[in-house]
Amino acid sequence: MKEEEVRKKWLEEVAKLWPVAKGSIREVKRVCASKTCEKCRSGERHPGWLMTYYKDGKQKSHYVPAKMQERVKLALENGRKLEALMVEAGIELIKSGKEN
């Protein structure tokens, strides 16, 4: 396959991978701001979700609203697929150079 064909195929596959993100998502238990919250007083706490990622070599986290959890999970899954496509594109690029 020629390099331009590899590029075109890669761009077609990448276009299908929206939304996309890199990192991980995890559930955490948080204390709320209310001083009268029975749940927090009992020690149970409230569930919340954090997306964790690295930026400039430092670990960062962002709170993920409940309505965004599934969308962020999809974006992270697509991010892993994108990384796999990048590896495959590199291999195809090398192969296309050998054919010339």
PDB file of N, CA and C in Angstrom:
ATOM      1  N   MET A   1       0.856  -1.178   0.000  1.00  0.00           N
ATOM      2  CA  MET A   1       0.000   0.000   0.000  1.00  0.00           C
ATOM      3  C   MET A   1       0.903   1.243   0.000  1.00  0.00           C
ATOM      4  N   LYS A   2       0.587   2.219  -0.806  1.00  0.00           N
ATOM      5  CA  LYS A   2       1.372   3.445  -0.880  1.00  0.00           C
ATOM      6  C   LYS A   2       1.074   4.342   0.316  1.00  0.00           C
ATOM      7  N   GLU A   3       2.023   5.227   0.607  1.00  0.00           N
ATOM      8  CA  GLU A   3       1.894   6.093   1.778  1.00  0.00           C
ATOM      9  C   GLU A   3       0.606   6.909   1.746  1.00  0.00           C
ATOM     10  N   GLU A   4       0.229   7.449   0.605  1.00  0.00           N
ATOM     11  CA  GLU A   4      -0.997   8.249   0.508  1.00  0.00           C
ATOM     12  C   GLU A   4      -2.234   7.400   0.799  1.00  0.00           C
ATOM     13  N   GLU A   5      -2.225   6.142   0.393  1.00  0.00           N
ATOM     14  CA  GLU A   5      -3.338   5.232   0.696  1.00  0.00           C
ATOM     15  C   GLU A   5      -3.410   4.950   2.195  1.00  0.00           C
ATOM     16  N   VAL A   6      -2.234   4.786   2.830  1.00  0.00           N
ATOM     17  CA  VAL A   6      -2.173   4.574   4.283  1.00  0.00           C
ATOM     18  C   VAL A   6      -2.762   5.786   4.996  1.00  0.00           C
ATOM     19  N   ARG A   7      -2.380   6.986   4.552  1.00  0.00           N
ATOM     20  CA  ARG A   7      -2.878   8.231   5.148  1.00  0.00           C
ATOM     21  C   ARG A   7      -4.388   8.341   5.022  1.00  0.00           C
ATOM     22  N   LYS A   8      -4.901   8.082   3.830  1.00  0.00           N
ATOM     23  CA  LYS A   8      -6.342   8.193   3.591  1.00  0.00           C
ATOM     24  C   LYS A   8      -7.115   7.210   4.462  1.00  0.00           C
ATOM     25  N   LYS A   9      -6.636   5.976   4.530  1.00  0.00           N
ATOM     26  CA  LYS A   9      -7.299   4.944   5.347  1.00  0.00           C
ATOM     27  C   LYS A   9      -7.277   5.354   6.824  1.00  0.00           C
ATOM     28  N   TRP A  10      -6.139   5.872   7.282  1.00  0.00           N
ATOM     29  CA  TRP A  10      -5.994   6.265   8.678  1.00  0.00           C
ATOM     30  C   TRP A  10      -6.962   7.397   9.018  1.00  0.00           C
ATOM     31  N   LEU A  11      -7.044   8.393   8.149  1.00  0.00           N
ATOM     32  CA  LEU A  11      -7.944   9.523   8.399  1.00  0.00           C
ATOM     33  C   LEU A  11      -9.408   9.087   8.433  1.00  0.00           C
ATOM     34  N   GLU A  12      -9.776   8.144   7.601  1.00  0.00           N
ATOM     35  CA  GLU A  12     -11.152   7.616   7.614  1.00  0.00           C
ATOM     36  C   GLU A  12     -11.459   6.946   8.946  1.00  0.00           C
ATOM     37  N   GLU A  13     -10.512   6.174   9.456  1.00  0.00           N
ATOM     38  CA  GLU A  13     -10.716   5.479  10.730  1.00  0.00           C
ATOM     39  C   GLU A  13     -10.745   6.467  11.907  1.00  0.00           C
ATOM     40  N   VAL A  14      -9.872   7.441  11.882  1.00  0.00           N
ATOM     41  CA  VAL A  14      -9.805   8.431  12.964  1.00  0.00           C
ATOM     42  C   VAL A  14     -11.095   9.247  13.034  1.00  0.00           C
ATOM     43  N   ALA A  15     -11.666   9.557  11.890  1.00  0.00           N
ATOM     44  CA  ALA A  15     -12.892  10.356  11.847  1.00  0.00           C
ATOM     45  C   ALA A  15     -14.045   9.685  12.605  1.00  0.00           C
ATOM     46  N   LYS A  16     -13.991   8.369  12.741  1.00  0.00           N
ATOM     47  CA  LYS A  16     -15.053   7.627  13.438  1.00  0.00           C
ATOM     48  C   LYS A  16     -14.890   7.661  14.958  1.00  0.00           C
ATOM     49  N   LEU A  17     -13.759   8.164  15.439  1.00  0.00           N
ATOM     50  CA  LEU A  17     -13.426   8.055  16.862  1.00  0.00           C
ATOM     51  C   LEU A  17     -13.686   9.334  17.656  1.00  0.00           C
ATOM     52  N   TRP A  18     -14.809   9.943  17.466  1.00  0.00           N
ATOM     53  CA  TRP A  18     -15.174  11.094  18.294  1.00  0.00           C
ATOM     54  C   TRP A  18     -16.305  10.713  19.204  1.00  0.00           C
ATOM     55  N   PRO A  19     -16.280  11.056  20.449  1.00  0.00           N
ATOM     56  CA  PRO A  19     -15.295  11.838  21.174  1.00  0.00           C
ATOM     57  C   PRO A  19     -14.049  11.005  21.504  1.00  0.00           C
ATOM     58  N   VAL A  20     -12.952  11.693  21.806  1.00  0.00           N
ATOM     59  CA  VAL A  20     -11.701  11.008  22.110  1.00  0.00           C
ATOM     60  C   VAL A  20     -11.012  11.691  23.291  1.00  0.00           C
ATOM     61  N   ALA A  21     -10.369  10.893  24.142  1.00  0.00           N
ATOM     62  CA  ALA A  21      -9.629  11.425  25.291  1.00  0.00           C
ATOM     63  C   ALA A  21      -8.584  10.400  25.704  1.00  0.00           C
ATOM     64  N   LYS A  22      -7.609  10.852  26.464  1.00  0.00           N
ATOM     65  CA  LYS A  22      -6.586   9.961  26.995  1.00  0.00           C
ATOM     66  C   LYS A  22      -6.568  10.138  28.504  1.00  0.00           C
ATOM     67  N   GLY A  23      -6.579   9.037  29.209  1.00  0.00           N
ATOM     68  CA  GLY A  23      -6.554   9.077  30.666  1.00  0.00           C
ATOM     69  C   GLY A  23      -7.325   7.898  31.217  1.00  0.00           C
ATOM     70  N   SER A  24      -7.866   8.069  32.417  1.00  0.00           N
ATOM     71  CA  SER A  24      -8.676   7.025  33.039  1.00  0.00           C
ATOM     72  C   SER A  24      -9.770   7.696  33.866  1.00  0.00           C
ATOM     73  N   ILE A  25     -10.777   6.904  34.184  1.00  0.00           N
ATOM     74  CA  ILE A  25     -11.889   7.419  34.996  1.00  0.00           C
ATOM     75  C   ILE A  25     -12.072   6.482  36.177  1.00  0.00           C
ATOM     76  N   ARG A  26     -12.334   7.064  37.330  1.00  0.00           N
ATOM     77  CA  ARG A  26     -12.529   6.236  38.519  1.00  0.00           C
ATOM     78  C   ARG A  26     -13.559   6.859  39.442  1.00  0.00           C
ATOM     79  N   GLU A  27     -14.172   5.994  40.213  1.00  0.00           N
ATOM     80  CA  GLU A  27     -15.162   6.452  41.186  1.00  0.00           C
ATOM     81  C   GLU A  27     -14.454   6.819  42.483  1.00  0.00           C
ATOM     82  N   VAL A  28     -14.897   7.903  43.085  1.00  0.00           N
ATOM     83  CA  VAL A  28     -14.380   8.340  44.380  1.00  0.00           C
ATOM     84  C   VAL A  28     -15.560   8.603  45.305  1.00  0.00           C
ATOM     85  N   LYS A  29     -15.312   8.619  46.587  1.00  0.00           N
ATOM     86  CA  LYS A  29     -16.340   8.962  47.576  1.00  0.00           C
ATOM     87  C   LYS A  29     -15.975  10.318  48.154  1.00  0.00           C
ATOM     88  N   ARG A  30     -16.948  11.249  48.129  1.00  0.00           N
ATOM     89  CA  ARG A  30     -16.681  12.629  48.529  1.00  0.00           C
ATOM     90  C   ARG A  30     -17.615  13.083  49.634  1.00  0.00           C
ATOM     91  N   VAL A  31     -17.141  14.017  50.407  1.00  0.00           N
ATOM     92  CA  VAL A  31     -17.957  14.669  51.426  1.00  0.00           C
ATOM     93  C   VAL A  31     -18.572  15.898  50.764  1.00  0.00           C
ATOM     94  N   CYS A  32     -19.853  16.138  51.020  1.00  0.00           N
ATOM     95  CA  CYS A  32     -20.495  17.311  50.425  1.00  0.00           C
ATOM     96  C   CYS A  32     -20.294  18.538  51.321  1.00  0.00           C
ATOM     97  N   ALA A  33     -20.772  19.656  50.868  1.00  0.00           N
ATOM     98  CA  ALA A  33     -20.593  20.919  51.591  1.00  0.00           C
ATOM     99  C   ALA A  33     -21.609  21.115  52.719  1.00  0.00           C
ATOM    100  N   SER A  34     -22.658  20.315  52.738  1.00  0.00           N
ATOM    101  CA  SER A  34     -23.717  20.495  53.736  1.00  0.00           C
ATOM    102  C   SER A  34     -23.292  19.941  55.096  1.00  0.00           C
ATOM    103  N   LYS A  35     -23.409  20.776  56.119  1.00  0.00           N
ATOM    104  CA  LYS A  35     -23.052  20.341  57.476  1.00  0.00           C
ATOM    105  C   LYS A  35     -24.116  19.444  58.085  1.00  0.00           C
ATOM    106  N   THR A  36     -25.301  19.412  57.473  1.00  0.00           N
ATOM    107  CA  THR A  36     -26.398  18.610  58.022  1.00  0.00           C
ATOM    108  C   THR A  36     -26.674  17.344  57.202  1.00  0.00           C
ATOM    109  N   CYS A  37     -25.802  17.000  56.296  1.00  0.00           N
ATOM    110  CA  CYS A  37     -26.023  15.836  55.438  1.00  0.00           C
ATOM    111  C   CYS A  37     -25.890  14.539  56.247  1.00  0.00           C
ATOM    112  N   GLU A  38     -26.968  13.778  56.289  1.00  0.00           N
ATOM    113  CA  GLU A  38     -26.977  12.525  57.040  1.00  0.00           C
ATOM    114  C   GLU A  38     -26.010  11.498  56.439  1.00  0.00           C
ATOM    115  N   LYS A  39     -25.927  11.480  55.144  1.00  0.00           N
ATOM    116  CA  LYS A  39     -25.039  10.531  54.464  1.00  0.00           C
ATOM    117  C   LYS A  39     -23.580  10.775  54.873  1.00  0.00           C
ATOM    118  N   CYS A  40     -23.163  12.026  54.853  1.00  0.00           N
ATOM    119  CA  CYS A  40     -21.788  12.362  55.222  1.00  0.00           C
ATOM    120  C   CYS A  40     -21.549  12.138  56.713  1.00  0.00           C
ATOM    121  N   ARG A  41     -22.537  12.448  57.531  1.00  0.00           N
ATOM    122  CA  ARG A  41     -22.405  12.236  58.974  1.00  0.00           C
ATOM    123  C   ARG A  41     -22.236  10.764  59.316  1.00  0.00           C
ATOM    124  N   SER A  42     -22.880   9.909  58.535  1.00  0.00           N
ATOM    125  CA  SER A  42     -22.775   8.473  58.793  1.00  0.00           C
ATOM    126  C   SER A  42     -21.451   7.898  58.285  1.00  0.00           C
ATOM    127  N   GLY A  43     -20.702   8.706  57.524  1.00  0.00           N
ATOM    128  CA  GLY A  43     -19.430   8.244  56.983  1.00  0.00           C
ATOM    129  C   GLY A  43     -19.557   7.608  55.612  1.00  0.00           C
ATOM    130  N   GLU A  44     -20.791   7.541  55.096  1.00  0.00           N
ATOM    131  CA  GLU A  44     -21.018   6.881  53.803  1.00  0.00           C
ATOM    132  C   GLU A  44     -20.459   7.680  52.627  1.00  0.00           C
ATOM    133  N   ARG A  45     -20.602   8.978  52.633  1.00  0.00           N
ATOM    134  CA  ARG A  45     -20.148   9.899  51.589  1.00  0.00           C
ATOM    135  C   ARG A  45     -20.910   9.726  50.277  1.00  0.00           C
ATOM    136  N   HIS A  46     -20.632  10.623  49.338  1.00  0.00           N
ATOM    137  CA  HIS A  46     -21.322  10.653  48.054  1.00  0.00           C
ATOM    138  C   HIS A  46     -20.403  10.144  46.944  1.00  0.00           C
ATOM    139  N   PRO A  47     -20.954   9.367  46.008  1.00  0.00           N
ATOM    140  CA  PRO A  47     -20.106   8.904  44.899  1.00  0.00           C
ATOM    141  C   PRO A  47     -19.860  10.038  43.906  1.00  0.00           C
ATOM    142  N   GLY A  48     -18.684  10.040  43.339  1.00  0.00           N
ATOM    143  CA  GLY A  48     -18.332  11.010  42.304  1.00  0.00           C
ATOM    144  C   GLY A  48     -17.345  10.339  41.362  1.00  0.00           C
ATOM    145  N   TRP A  49     -17.063  10.962  40.251  1.00  0.00           N
ATOM    146  CA  TRP A  49     -16.157  10.385  39.255  1.00  0.00           C
ATOM    147  C   TRP A  49     -15.079  11.400  38.897  1.00  0.00           C
ATOM    148  N   LEU A  50     -13.849  10.907  38.753  1.00  0.00           N
ATOM    149  CA  LEU A  50     -12.724  11.737  38.348  1.00  0.00           C
ATOM    150  C   LEU A  50     -12.081  11.163  37.096  1.00  0.00           C
ATOM    151  N   MET A  51     -11.756  12.046  36.156  1.00  0.00           N
ATOM    152  CA  MET A  51     -10.933  11.651  35.019  1.00  0.00           C
ATOM    153  C   MET A  51      -9.519  12.099  35.349  1.00  0.00           C
ATOM    154  N   THR A  52      -8.580  11.158  35.292  1.00  0.00           N
ATOM    155  CA  THR A  52      -7.193  11.436  35.603  1.00  0.00           C
ATOM    156  C   THR A  52      -6.370  11.301  34.334  1.00  0.00           C
ATOM    157  N   TYR A  53      -5.410  12.200  34.156  1.00  0.00           N
ATOM    158  CA  TYR A  53      -4.568  12.199  32.957  1.00  0.00           C
ATOM    159  C   TYR A  53      -3.244  12.871  33.301  1.00  0.00           C
ATOM    160  N   TYR A  54      -2.291  12.784  32.394  1.00  0.00           N
ATOM    161  CA  TYR A  54      -1.003  13.455  32.563  1.00  0.00           C
ATOM    162  C   TYR A  54      -0.889  14.604  31.575  1.00  0.00           C
ATOM    163  N   LYS A  55      -0.404  15.734  32.060  1.00  0.00           N
ATOM    164  CA  LYS A  55      -0.166  16.903  31.213  1.00  0.00           C
ATOM    165  C   LYS A  55       1.153  17.521  31.658  1.00  0.00           C
ATOM    166  N   ASP A  56       2.046  17.700  30.698  1.00  0.00           N
ATOM    167  CA  ASP A  56       3.374  18.255  30.995  1.00  0.00           C
ATOM    168  C   ASP A  56       4.087  17.466  32.091  1.00  0.00           C
ATOM    169  N   GLY A  57       3.903  16.150  32.074  1.00  0.00           N
ATOM    170  CA  GLY A  57       4.578  15.282  33.035  1.00  0.00           C
ATOM    171  C   GLY A  57       3.968  15.261  34.424  1.00  0.00           C
ATOM    172  N   LYS A  58       2.855  15.945  34.614  1.00  0.00           N
ATOM    173  CA  LYS A  58       2.205  15.988  35.925  1.00  0.00           C
ATOM    174  C   LYS A  58       0.821  15.372  35.847  1.00  0.00           C
ATOM    175  N   GLN A  59       0.480  14.623  36.898  1.00  0.00           N
ATOM    176  CA  GLN A  59      -0.840  14.015  36.944  1.00  0.00           C
ATOM    177  C   GLN A  59      -1.876  15.066  37.324  1.00  0.00           C
ATOM    178  N   LYS A  60      -2.973  15.079  36.585  1.00  0.00           N
ATOM    179  CA  LYS A  60      -4.080  16.018  36.818  1.00  0.00           C
ATOM    180  C   LYS A  60      -5.379  15.226  36.905  1.00  0.00           C
ATOM    181  N   SER A  61      -6.385  15.819  37.522  1.00  0.00           N
ATOM    182  CA  SER A  61      -7.709  15.191  37.605  1.00  0.00           C
ATOM    183  C   SER A  61      -8.780  16.244  37.401  1.00  0.00           C
ATOM    184  N   HIS A  62      -9.881  15.808  36.826  1.00  0.00           N
ATOM    185  CA  HIS A  62     -11.057  16.665  36.667  1.00  0.00           C
ATOM    186  C   HIS A  62     -12.283  15.890  37.125  1.00  0.00           C
ATOM    187  N   TYR A  63     -13.157  16.582  37.832  1.00  0.00           N
ATOM    188  CA  TYR A  63     -14.436  16.003  38.229  1.00  0.00           C
ATOM    189  C   TYR A  63     -15.291  15.793  36.980  1.00  0.00           C
ATOM    190  N   VAL A  64     -15.952  14.650  36.899  1.00  0.00           N
ATOM    191  CA  VAL A  64     -16.826  14.324  35.767  1.00  0.00           C
ATOM    192  C   VAL A  64     -18.271  14.348  36.266  1.00  0.00           C
ATOM    193  N   PRO A  65     -19.095  15.255  35.771  1.00  0.00           N
ATOM    194  CA  PRO A  65     -20.506  15.276  36.179  1.00  0.00           C
ATOM    195  C   PRO A  65     -21.197  13.954  35.829  1.00  0.00           C
ATOM    196  N   ALA A  66     -22.166  13.573  36.619  1.00  0.00           N
ATOM    197  CA  ALA A  66     -22.863  12.296  36.425  1.00  0.00           C
ATOM    198  C   ALA A  66     -23.399  12.145  35.001  1.00  0.00           C
ATOM    199  N   LYS A  67     -23.930  13.227  34.430  1.00  0.00           N
ATOM    200  CA  LYS A  67     -24.504  13.134  33.088  1.00  0.00           C
ATOM    201  C   LYS A  67     -23.440  12.942  32.008  1.00  0.00           C
ATOM    202  N   MET A  68     -22.158  13.148  32.342  1.00  0.00           N
ATOM    203  CA  MET A  68     -21.075  13.020  31.368  1.00  0.00           C
ATOM    204  C   MET A  68     -20.278  11.717  31.498  1.00  0.00           C
ATOM    205  N   GLN A  69     -20.563  10.902  32.501  1.00  0.00           N
ATOM    206  CA  GLN A  69     -19.768   9.704  32.768  1.00  0.00           C
ATOM    207  C   GLN A  69     -19.672   8.778  31.563  1.00  0.00           C
ATOM    208  N   GLU A  70     -20.796   8.439  30.961  1.00  0.00           N
ATOM    209  CA  GLU A  70     -20.789   7.512  29.834  1.00  0.00           C
ATOM    210  C   GLU A  70     -20.071   8.095  28.622  1.00  0.00           C
ATOM    211  N   ARG A  71     -20.242   9.385  28.399  1.00  0.00           N
ATOM    212  CA  ARG A  71     -19.580  10.048  27.264  1.00  0.00           C
ATOM    213  C   ARG A  71     -18.056  10.059  27.460  1.00  0.00           C
ATOM    214  N   VAL A  72     -17.618  10.319  28.684  1.00  0.00           N
ATOM    215  CA  VAL A  72     -16.186  10.319  28.975  1.00  0.00           C
ATOM    216  C   VAL A  72     -15.624   8.900  28.855  1.00  0.00           C
ATOM    217  N   LYS A  73     -16.363   7.902  29.315  1.00  0.00           N
ATOM    218  CA  LYS A  73     -15.910   6.515  29.166  1.00  0.00           C
ATOM    219  C   LYS A  73     -15.749   6.154  27.692  1.00  0.00           C
ATOM    220  N   LEU A  74     -16.680   6.584  26.860  1.00  0.00           N
ATOM    221  CA  LEU A  74     -16.585   6.342  25.417  1.00  0.00           C
ATOM    222  C   LEU A  74     -15.362   7.054  24.841  1.00  0.00           C
ATOM    223  N   ALA A  75     -15.132   8.297  25.252  1.00  0.00           N
ATOM    224  CA  ALA A  75     -13.977   9.059  24.766  1.00  0.00           C
ATOM    225  C   ALA A  75     -12.671   8.360  25.131  1.00  0.00           C
ATOM    226  N   LEU A  76     -12.587   7.817  26.336  1.00  0.00           N
ATOM    227  CA  LEU A  76     -11.374   7.114  26.764  1.00  0.00           C
ATOM    228  C   LEU A  76     -11.181   5.819  25.974  1.00  0.00           C
ATOM    229  N   GLU A  77     -12.263   5.109  25.728  1.00  0.00           N
ATOM    230  CA  GLU A  77     -12.199   3.893  24.903  1.00  0.00           C
ATOM    231  C   GLU A  77     -11.727   4.244  23.490  1.00  0.00           C
ATOM    232  N   ASN A  78     -12.271   5.308  22.923  1.00  0.00           N
ATOM    233  CA  ASN A  78     -11.856   5.758  21.595  1.00  0.00           C
ATOM    234  C   ASN A  78     -10.393   6.202  21.590  1.00  0.00           C
ATOM    235  N   GLY A  79      -9.945   6.782  22.691  1.00  0.00           N
ATOM    236  CA  GLY A  79      -8.542   7.181  22.803  1.00  0.00           C
ATOM    237  C   GLY A  79      -7.612   5.978  22.712  1.00  0.00           C
ATOM    238  N   ARG A  80      -7.996   4.870  23.354  1.00  0.00           N
ATOM    239  CA  ARG A  80      -7.186   3.644  23.269  1.00  0.00           C
ATOM    240  C   ARG A  80      -7.196   3.098  21.841  1.00  0.00           C
ATOM    241  N   LYS A  81      -8.340   3.196  21.172  1.00  0.00           N
ATOM    242  CA  LYS A  81      -8.412   2.757  19.772  1.00  0.00           C
ATOM    243  C   LYS A  81      -7.533   3.634  18.884  1.00  0.00           C
ATOM    244  N   LEU A  82      -7.526   4.943  19.154  1.00  0.00           N
ATOM    245  CA  LEU A  82      -6.700   5.863  18.377  1.00  0.00           C
ATOM    246  C   LEU A  82      -5.217   5.533  18.538  1.00  0.00           C
ATOM    247  N   GLU A  83      -4.806   5.235  19.764  1.00  0.00           N
ATOM    248  CA  GLU A  83      -3.409   4.851  19.981  1.00  0.00           C
ATOM    249  C   GLU A  83      -3.052   3.597  19.189  1.00  0.00           C
ATOM    250  N   ALA A  84      -3.957   2.626  19.159  1.00  0.00           N
ATOM    251  CA  ALA A  84      -3.713   1.407  18.392  1.00  0.00           C
ATOM    252  C   ALA A  84      -3.608   1.711  16.900  1.00  0.00           C
ATOM    253  N   LEU A  85      -4.457   2.620  16.418  1.00  0.00           N
ATOM    254  CA  LEU A  85      -4.389   3.024  15.009  1.00  0.00           C
ATOM    255  C   LEU A  85      -3.064   3.720  14.693  1.00  0.00           C
ATOM    256  N   MET A  86      -2.558   4.493  15.623  1.00  0.00           N
ATOM    257  CA  MET A  86      -1.284   5.171  15.412  1.00  0.00           C
ATOM    258  C   MET A  86      -0.141   4.161  15.287  1.00  0.00           C
ATOM    259  N   VAL A  87      -0.160   3.137  16.115  1.00  0.00           N
ATOM    260  CA  VAL A  87       0.863   2.088  16.021  1.00  0.00           C
ATOM    261  C   VAL A  87       0.777   1.409  14.661  1.00  0.00           C
ATOM    262  N   GLU A  88      -0.428   1.050  14.283  1.00  0.00           N
ATOM    263  CA  GLU A  88      -0.634   0.373  12.995  1.00  0.00           C
ATOM    264  C   GLU A  88      -0.217   1.276  11.832  1.00  0.00           C
ATOM    265  N   ALA A  89      -0.504   2.563  11.917  1.00  0.00           N
ATOM    266  CA  ALA A  89      -0.120   3.494  10.860  1.00  0.00           C
ATOM    267  C   ALA A  89       1.396   3.574  10.727  1.00  0.00           C
ATOM    268  N   GLY A  90       2.090   3.540  11.844  1.00  0.00           N
ATOM    269  CA  GLY A  90       3.549   3.549  11.805  1.00  0.00           C
ATOM    270  C   GLY A  90       4.102   2.325  11.100  1.00  0.00           C
ATOM    271  N   ILE A  91       3.518   1.181  11.383  1.00  0.00           N
ATOM    272  CA  ILE A  91       3.934  -0.063  10.727  1.00  0.00           C
ATOM    273  C   ILE A  91       3.660   0.009   9.232  1.00  0.00           C
ATOM    274  N   GLU A  92       2.465   0.491   8.868  1.00  0.00           N
ATOM    275  CA  GLU A  92       2.104   0.611   7.448  1.00  0.00           C
ATOM    276  C   GLU A  92       3.001   1.631   6.746  1.00  0.00           C
ATOM    277  N   LEU A  93       3.381   2.694   7.425  1.00  0.00           N
ATOM    278  CA  LEU A  93       4.275   3.691   6.842  1.00  0.00           C
ATOM    279  C   LEU A  93       5.630   3.055   6.485  1.00  0.00           C
ATOM    280  N   ILE A  94       6.150   2.266   7.409  1.00  0.00           N
ATOM    281  CA  ILE A  94       7.420   1.575   7.158  1.00  0.00           C
ATOM    282  C   ILE A  94       7.285   0.623   5.973  1.00  0.00           C
ATOM    283  N   LYS A  95       6.198  -0.133   5.971  1.00  0.00           N
ATOM    284  CA  LYS A  95       5.969  -1.075   4.858  1.00  0.00           C
ATOM    285  C   LYS A  95       5.861  -0.342   3.530  1.00  0.00           C
ATOM    286  N   SER A  96       5.173   0.806   3.509  1.00  0.00           N
ATOM    287  CA  SER A  96       5.006   1.551   2.246  1.00  0.00           C
ATOM    288  C   SER A  96       6.346   2.080   1.734  1.00  0.00           C
ATOM    289  N   GLY A  97       7.255   2.403   2.624  1.00  0.00           N
ATOM    290  CA  GLY A  97       8.579   2.872   2.237  1.00  0.00           C
ATOM    291  C   GLY A  97       9.434   1.768   1.638  1.00  0.00           C
ATOM    292  N   LYS A  98       9.185   0.545   2.060  1.00  0.00           N
ATOM    293  CA  LYS A  98       9.946  -0.598   1.526  1.00  0.00           C
ATOM    294  C   LYS A  98       9.498  -0.928   0.109  1.00  0.00           C
ATOM    295  N   GLU A  99       8.261  -0.599  -0.221  1.00  0.00           N
ATOM    296  CA  GLU A  99       7.709  -0.920  -1.538  1.00  0.00           C
ATOM    297  C   GLU A  99       8.247   0.024  -2.613  1.00  0.00           C
ATOM    298  N   ASN A 100       8.689   1.205  -2.225  1.00  0.00           N
ATOM    299  CA  ASN A 100       9.147   2.202  -3.193  1.00  0.00           C
ATOM    300  C   ASN A 100      10.540   1.880  -3.708  1.00  0.00           C
TER     301      ASN A 100
END
